[in-house]
C-alpha atoms as a PDB file:
ATOM      1  CA  MET A   1    -124.503  85.619  -6.406  1.00  0.00           C
ATOM      2  CA  ILE A   2    -122.946  85.348  -9.864  1.00  0.00           C
ATOM      3  CA  VAL A   3    -121.195  82.009 -10.303  1.00  0.00           C
ATOM      4  CA  LYS A   4    -119.267  81.343 -13.484  1.00  0.00           C
ATOM      5  CA  SER A   5    -116.969  78.341 -13.488  1.00  0.00           C
ATOM      6  CA  PHE A   6    -118.035  74.729 -13.130  1.00  0.00           C
ATOM      7  CA  GLU A   7    -116.040  74.445  -9.930  1.00  0.00           C
ATOM      8  CA  GLU A   8    -117.656  77.558  -8.448  1.00  0.00           C
ATOM      9  CA  LYS A   9    -121.110  76.265  -9.322  1.00  0.00           C
ATOM     10  CA  LEU A  10    -120.348  72.898  -7.752  1.00  0.00           C
ATOM     11  CA  GLN A  11    -118.974  74.539  -4.628  1.00  0.00           C
ATOM     12  CA  ARG A  12    -122.089  76.721  -4.328  1.00  0.00           C
ATOM     13  CA  LEU A  13    -124.327  73.672  -4.770  1.00  0.00           C
ATOM     14  CA  GLU A  14    -122.426  71.929  -1.967  1.00  0.00           C
ATOM     15  CA  GLN A  15    -122.874  74.998   0.268  1.00  0.00           C
ATOM     16  CA  ILE A  16    -126.605  75.033  -0.438  1.00  0.00           C
ATOM     17  CA  ASN A  17    -126.851  71.336   0.341  1.00  0.00           C
ATOM     18  CA  GLU A  18    -125.071  71.826   3.640  1.00  0.00           C
ATOM     19  CA  GLN A  19    -127.263  74.778   4.641  1.00  0.00           C
ATOM     20  CA  ILE A  20    -130.486  72.917   3.883  1.00  0.00           C
ATOM     21  CA  ARG A  21    -129.340  69.724   5.642  1.00  0.00           C
ATOM     22  CA  LYS A  22    -128.498  71.622   8.824  1.00  0.00           C
ATOM     23  CA  GLY A  23    -132.162  72.588   9.037  1.00  0.00           C
ATOM     24  CA  GLU A  24    -131.379  75.835  10.829  1.00  0.00           C
ATOM     25  CA  ILE A  25    -132.983  78.145   8.256  1.00  0.00           C
ATOM     26  CA  ALA A  26    -136.552  79.247   7.733  1.00  0.00           C
ATOM     27  CA  LEU A  27    -138.728  77.294   5.320  1.00  0.00           C
ATOM     28  CA  GLN A  28    -138.925  80.214   2.891  1.00  0.00           C
ATOM     29  CA  ASP A  29    -135.133  80.555   2.838  1.00  0.00           C
ATOM     30  CA  ALA A  30    -134.728  76.811   2.415  1.00  0.00           C
ATOM     31  CA  THR A  31    -137.143  76.897  -0.521  1.00  0.00           C
ATOM     32  CA  ALA A  32    -135.209  79.724  -2.182  1.00  0.00           C
ATOM     33  CA  LEU A  33    -131.947  77.825  -1.682  1.00  0.00           C
ATOM     34  CA  PHE A  34    -133.542  74.666  -3.062  1.00  0.00           C
ATOM     35  CA  GLU A  35    -134.623  76.563  -6.194  1.00  0.00           C
ATOM     36  CA  GLU A  36    -131.098  77.941  -6.619  1.00  0.00           C
ATOM     37  CA  GLY A  37    -129.686  74.451  -6.137  1.00  0.00           C
ATOM     38  CA  ILE A  38    -131.995  72.950  -8.768  1.00  0.00           C
ATOM     39  CA  LYS A  39    -130.934  75.643 -11.235  1.00  0.00           C
ATOM     40  CA  LEU A  40    -127.242  75.042 -10.509  1.00  0.00           C
ATOM     41  CA  ALA A  41    -127.671  71.267 -10.807  1.00  0.00           C
ATOM     42  CA  GLY A  42    -129.258  71.736 -14.242  1.00  0.00           C
ATOM     43  CA  GLU A  43    -126.416  73.991 -15.380  1.00  0.00           C
ATOM     44  CA  LEU A  44    -123.802  71.532 -14.100  1.00  0.00           C
ATOM     45  CA  ASP A  45    -125.553  68.644 -15.844  1.00  0.00           C
ATOM     46  CA  LYS A  46    -125.609  70.603 -19.096  1.00  0.00           C
ATOM     47  CA  GLU A  47    -121.889  71.364 -18.824  1.00  0.00           C
ATOM     48  CA  LEU A  48    -121.036  67.744 -18.025  1.00  0.00           C
ATOM     49  CA  ASN A  49    -123.041  66.525 -21.013  1.00  0.00           C
ATOM     50  CA  ALA A  50    -121.199  68.974 -23.280  1.00  0.00           C
ATOM     51  CA  VAL A  51    -117.821  67.791 -21.996  1.00  0.00           C
ATOM     52  CA  GLU A  52    -118.866  64.167 -22.375  1.00  0.00           C
ATOM     53  CA  GLY A  53    -119.826  64.842 -26.006  1.00  0.00           C
ATOM     54  CA  ARG A  54    -116.467  66.466 -26.690  1.00  0.00           C
ATOM     55  CA  ILE A  55    -114.630  63.534 -25.114  1.00  0.00           C
ATOM     56  CA  GLU A  56    -116.650  61.036 -27.142  1.00  0.00           C
ATOM     57  CA  LYS A  57    -115.689  62.883 -30.335  1.00  0.00           C
ATOM     58  CA  LEU A  58    -112.013  62.878 -29.384  1.00  0.00           C
ATOM     59  CA  VAL A  59    -112.027  59.198 -28.508  1.00  0.00           C
ATOM     60  CA  ALA A  60    -113.826  58.305 -31.748  1.00  0.00           C
ATOM     61  CA  VAL A  61    -110.895  59.536 -33.871  1.00  0.00           C
ATOM     62  CA  PRO A  62    -108.767  56.577 -35.037  1.00  0.00           C
ATOM     63  CA  GLU A  63    -105.102  56.609 -34.035  1.00  0.00           C
ATOM     64  CA  LYS A  64    -103.962  55.706 -37.558  1.00  0.00           C
ATOM     65  CA  GLU A  65    -105.571  56.345 -40.917  1.00  0.00           C
ATOM     66  CA  GLY A  66    -107.783  53.479 -42.035  1.00  0.00           C
ATOM     67  CA  GLU A  67    -107.954  52.069 -38.518  1.00  0.00           C
ATOM     68  CA  ALA A  68    -111.246  51.710 -36.687  1.00  0.00           C
ATOM     69  CA  PRO A  69    -111.637  54.186 -33.819  1.00  0.00           C
ATOM     70  CA  VAL A  70    -111.446  53.002 -30.224  1.00  0.00           C
ATOM     71  CA  LEU A  71    -114.808  53.933 -28.776  1.00  0.00           C
ATOM     72  CA  GLU A  72    -113.902  53.323 -25.157  1.00  0.00           C
ATOM     73  CA  LEU A  73    -111.925  55.700 -22.969  1.00  0.00           C
ATOM     74  CA  PHE A  74    -109.762  52.993 -21.405  1.00  0.00           C
ATOM     75  CA  PRO A  75    -110.069  49.805 -23.476  1.00  0.00           C
ATOM     76  CA  GLU A  76    -107.044  48.311 -21.743  1.00  0.00           C
ATOM     77  CA  LEU A  77    -109.040  48.235 -18.504  1.00  0.00           C
ATOM     78  CA  LYS A  78    -111.897  46.289 -20.044  1.00  0.00           C
ATOM     79  CA  THR A  79    -112.266  42.935 -18.311  1.00  0.00           C
ATOM     80  CA  ARG A  80    -111.735  39.930 -20.491  1.00  0.00           C
ATOM     81  CA  GLU A  81    -114.523  37.426 -20.608  1.00  0.00           C
END
């Protein structure tokens, strides 16, 4: 099965998880699904890390010239000590 988008990969990983948890498949099939799931999980992790890096770069840009960048996504939600 060729899976391209993040959402499709996540959906496939959820399907694999469900199939394995049901326990109604042969050990060899479960092992093959597990291998596919591990591969998908690695790809999803890689994509999430790339998105996180892009977001960090965007957030690190100061709003005004000469101003220090806000390095938190939602600084207004930060609890005051």
